[in-house]
Each structure stands twice: as C-alpha cells, then as structure tokens.
Amino acid sequence: MSKVKYEFQCTNCQKYFDVKLNISLNGNYRIHCPNCQHIHYRKVEEGKITDTRFTENDDKILIEDIWPMKASCRDFQKDTYKDLDQNSPEAGAGFMHRLWTEKFSAHV
C-alpha cells in the first residue's frame, strides 16, 4: 500500500508535524497533534487531507483517529530547514549548511 506524507500545523500550539496516510483512506478522521493532543477534525479523500471540517457531534459519520509520531513535531515548516544533501540540485542551500556557515565562517 502506498503512503503519502503531509505536513500539518496545529492551530492550538502552532507546531508543525507530519502525517502519513494510506492513499486508500476516505472518510472523516480526527488528527491528534503529537505535541498538545489538540484534535483536528478533517475529511480525507483518497489519502489527501482536505480543508473540509466536521464536528464531533455529527453522529452520521464514521470518525477514526490518526495519531502522528511525537518525533515528527517541530517548530518550523520543513522547507525552512532542509538538510544538506550532496545529491540534490540545491546542495549547499540546506539549513545545516547555513547554520555551519553562520557559526564557523568567521573562524575559517
């Protein structure tokens, strides 16, 4: 089964986290923030998280829980801290490279 990874931001604690979904998922899901356990009520269509929300009081729908891993939680969006990958076309533009340059460029 194929899975797709999505980046999600919690509206409660403002943290970002990754959600891995099977592309065959369809329906209404409760996505729990791994940092503060805030629940996001979202409709998922063919493994894609939509902006469609629903309430926990809607008894006509099937609700399932998605619990992302705590390790996927972070303060920034992923594209703001890409690691240096020597094989990527933007090698040298990654966060770790920029951090190293800022920290040690004066000492080199």
C-alpha atoms as a PDB file:
ATOM      1  CA  MET A   1       0.000   0.000   0.000  1.00  0.00           C
ATOM      2  CA  SER A   2       1.271   3.403  -0.952  1.00  0.00           C
ATOM      3  CA  LYS A   3       1.504   6.177   1.644  1.00  0.00           C
ATOM      4  CA  VAL A   4       1.732   9.928   1.321  1.00  0.00           C
ATOM      5  CA  LYS A   5       3.281  12.266   3.890  1.00  0.00           C
ATOM      6  CA  TYR A   6       1.630  15.602   4.690  1.00  0.00           C
ATOM      7  CA  GLU A   7       2.820  18.470   6.822  1.00  0.00           C
ATOM      8  CA  PHE A   8       0.173  19.773   9.184  1.00  0.00           C
ATOM      9  CA  GLN A   9       0.166  22.773  11.539  1.00  0.00           C
ATOM     10  CA  CYS A  10      -1.665  22.707  14.841  1.00  0.00           C
ATOM     11  CA  THR A  11      -3.831  25.780  15.337  1.00  0.00           C
ATOM     12  CA  ASN A  12      -3.581  25.353  19.106  1.00  0.00           C
ATOM     13  CA  CYS A  13       0.185  25.141  19.779  1.00  0.00           C
ATOM     14  CA  GLN A  14       1.425  26.365  16.349  1.00  0.00           C
ATOM     15  CA  LYS A  15       3.751  23.336  15.966  1.00  0.00           C
ATOM     16  CA  TYR A  16       4.200  21.513  12.654  1.00  0.00           C
ATOM     17  CA  PHE A  17       4.023  17.735  12.345  1.00  0.00           C
ATOM     18  CA  ASP A  18       3.962  15.054   9.675  1.00  0.00           C
ATOM     19  CA  VAL A  19       1.014  12.796   8.960  1.00  0.00           C
ATOM     20  CA  LYS A  20       1.499   9.637   6.868  1.00  0.00           C
ATOM     21  CA  LEU A  21      -1.685   8.445   5.198  1.00  0.00           C
ATOM     22  CA  ASN A  22      -2.524   5.437   3.100  1.00  0.00           C
ATOM     23  CA  ILE A  23      -3.792   6.635  -0.292  1.00  0.00           C
ATOM     24  CA  SER A  24      -6.859   4.407   0.052  1.00  0.00           C
ATOM     25  CA  LEU A  25      -8.185   6.343   3.089  1.00  0.00           C
ATOM     26  CA  ASN A  26     -11.555   8.026   2.672  1.00  0.00           C
ATOM     27  CA  GLY A  27     -13.790   9.488   5.347  1.00  0.00           C
ATOM     28  CA  ASN A  28     -13.721  11.678   8.414  1.00  0.00           C
ATOM     29  CA  TYR A  29     -10.756  11.496  10.739  1.00  0.00           C
ATOM     30  CA  ARG A  30      -9.608  13.041  13.995  1.00  0.00           C
ATOM     31  CA  ILE A  31      -5.968  14.065  13.596  1.00  0.00           C
ATOM     32  CA  HIS A  32      -4.332  14.468  17.008  1.00  0.00           C
ATOM     33  CA  CYS A  33      -1.465  16.920  17.453  1.00  0.00           C
ATOM     34  CA  PRO A  34       1.507  14.957  18.848  1.00  0.00           C
ATOM     35  CA  ASN A  35       2.570  17.973  20.929  1.00  0.00           C
ATOM     36  CA  CYS A  36      -0.601  19.189  22.676  1.00  0.00           C
ATOM     37  CA  GLN A  37      -3.140  16.480  21.674  1.00  0.00           C
ATOM     38  CA  HIS A  38      -5.437  19.088  20.128  1.00  0.00           C
ATOM     39  CA  ILE A  39      -7.879  17.345  17.781  1.00  0.00           C
ATOM     40  CA  HIS A  40      -8.301  18.474  14.178  1.00  0.00           C
ATOM     41  CA  TYR A  41     -11.477  17.179  12.539  1.00  0.00           C
ATOM     42  CA  ARG A  42     -10.779  16.676   8.824  1.00  0.00           C
ATOM     43  CA  LYS A  43     -12.217  14.883   5.845  1.00  0.00           C
ATOM     44  CA  VAL A  44      -9.743  12.679   3.965  1.00  0.00           C
ATOM     45  CA  GLU A  45     -10.311  11.820   0.304  1.00  0.00           C
ATOM     46  CA  GLU A  46      -8.093   9.244  -1.404  1.00  0.00           C
ATOM     47  CA  GLY A  47      -5.406   9.746   1.231  1.00  0.00           C
ATOM     48  CA  LYS A  48      -5.428  13.548   0.935  1.00  0.00           C
ATOM     49  CA  ILE A  49      -6.305  15.790   3.879  1.00  0.00           C
ATOM     50  CA  THR A  50      -8.902  18.328   2.766  1.00  0.00           C
ATOM     51  CA  ASP A  51      -9.856  21.658   4.317  1.00  0.00           C
ATOM     52  CA  THR A  52     -13.336  20.273   4.982  1.00  0.00           C
ATOM     53  CA  ARG A  53     -14.007  20.156   8.720  1.00  0.00           C
ATOM     54  CA  PHE A  54     -16.723  18.423  10.669  1.00  0.00           C
ATOM     55  CA  THR A  55     -17.827  18.405  14.293  1.00  0.00           C
ATOM     56  CA  GLU A  56     -17.524  15.638  16.837  1.00  0.00           C
ATOM     57  CA  ASN A  57     -21.305  15.809  17.351  1.00  0.00           C
ATOM     58  CA  ASP A  58     -22.167  14.662  13.837  1.00  0.00           C
ATOM     59  CA  ASP A  59     -23.396  11.128  14.551  1.00  0.00           C
ATOM     60  CA  LYS A  60     -23.990  10.259  10.883  1.00  0.00           C
ATOM     61  CA  ILE A  61     -20.310   9.907  10.093  1.00  0.00           C
ATOM     62  CA  LEU A  62     -17.576   7.444  10.871  1.00  0.00           C
ATOM     63  CA  ILE A  63     -14.745   9.059  12.781  1.00  0.00           C
ATOM     64  CA  GLU A  64     -11.348   7.413  13.125  1.00  0.00           C
ATOM     65  CA  ASP A  65      -8.258   8.623  14.953  1.00  0.00           C
ATOM     66  CA  ILE A  66      -4.853   9.388  13.461  1.00  0.00           C
ATOM     67  CA  TRP A  67      -2.014   9.708  15.980  1.00  0.00           C
ATOM     68  CA  PRO A  68       1.159  11.066  14.315  1.00  0.00           C
ATOM     69  CA  MET A  69       4.500  10.278  15.916  1.00  0.00           C
ATOM     70  CA  LYS A  70       5.766  12.714  18.551  1.00  0.00           C
ATOM     71  CA  ALA A  71       9.149  12.753  16.788  1.00  0.00           C
ATOM     72  CA  SER A  72       7.555  14.405  13.744  1.00  0.00           C
ATOM     73  CA  CYS A  73       6.677  17.533  15.768  1.00  0.00           C
ATOM     74  CA  ARG A  74       8.734  20.669  15.157  1.00  0.00           C
ATOM     75  CA  ASP A  75       8.633  24.472  15.438  1.00  0.00           C
ATOM     76  CA  PHE A  76       9.179  25.295  11.769  1.00  0.00           C
ATOM     77  CA  GLN A  77       7.891  24.201   8.399  1.00  0.00           C
ATOM     78  CA  LYS A  78      10.033  21.543   6.767  1.00  0.00           C
ATOM     79  CA  ASP A  79      11.063  23.606   3.786  1.00  0.00           C
ATOM     80  CA  THR A  80      12.687  26.140   6.106  1.00  0.00           C
ATOM     81  CA  TYR A  81      15.262  23.657   7.406  1.00  0.00           C
ATOM     82  CA  LYS A  82      16.297  21.250   4.650  1.00  0.00           C
ATOM     83  CA  ASP A  83      19.477  19.387   5.456  1.00  0.00           C
ATOM     84  CA  LEU A  84      22.358  19.482   3.042  1.00  0.00           C
ATOM     85  CA  ASP A  85      22.013  16.686   0.525  1.00  0.00           C
ATOM     86  CA  GLN A  86      25.051  16.327  -1.688  1.00  0.00           C
ATOM     87  CA  ASN A  87      22.941  14.695  -4.415  1.00  0.00           C
ATOM     88  CA  SER A  88      20.289  17.393  -4.577  1.00  0.00           C
ATOM     89  CA  PRO A  89      20.384  20.224  -7.116  1.00  0.00           C
ATOM     90  CA  GLU A  90      20.191  22.799  -4.309  1.00  0.00           C
ATOM     91  CA  ALA A  91      23.131  21.311  -2.378  1.00  0.00           C
ATOM     92  CA  GLY A  92      24.638  23.932  -0.145  1.00  0.00           C
ATOM     93  CA  ALA A  93      21.318  25.657   0.483  1.00  0.00           C
ATOM     94  CA  GLY A  94      20.261  23.394   3.371  1.00  0.00           C
ATOM     95  CA  PHE A  95      19.671  24.544   6.932  1.00  0.00           C
ATOM     96  CA  MET A  96      22.600  22.652   8.436  1.00  0.00           C
ATOM     97  CA  HIS A  97      24.969  24.138   5.844  1.00  0.00           C
ATOM     98  CA  ARG A  98      23.672  27.665   6.530  1.00  0.00           C
ATOM     99  CA  LEU A  99      23.950  27.106  10.287  1.00  0.00           C
ATOM    100  CA  TRP A 100      27.518  25.857   9.971  1.00  0.00           C
ATOM    101  CA  THR A 101      28.435  28.787   7.735  1.00  0.00           C
ATOM    102  CA  GLU A 102      26.969  31.322  10.164  1.00  0.00           C
ATOM    103  CA  LYS A 103      28.639  29.715  13.171  1.00  0.00           C
ATOM    104  CA  PHE A 104      32.079  28.977  11.765  1.00  0.00           C
ATOM    105  CA  SER A 105      32.660  31.234   8.755  1.00  0.00           C
ATOM    106  CA  ALA A 106      34.472  33.810  10.880  1.00  0.00           C
ATOM    107  CA  HIS A 107      36.779  31.082  12.240  1.00  0.00           C
ATOM    108  CA  VAL A 108      37.767  29.525   8.919  1.00  0.00           C
END
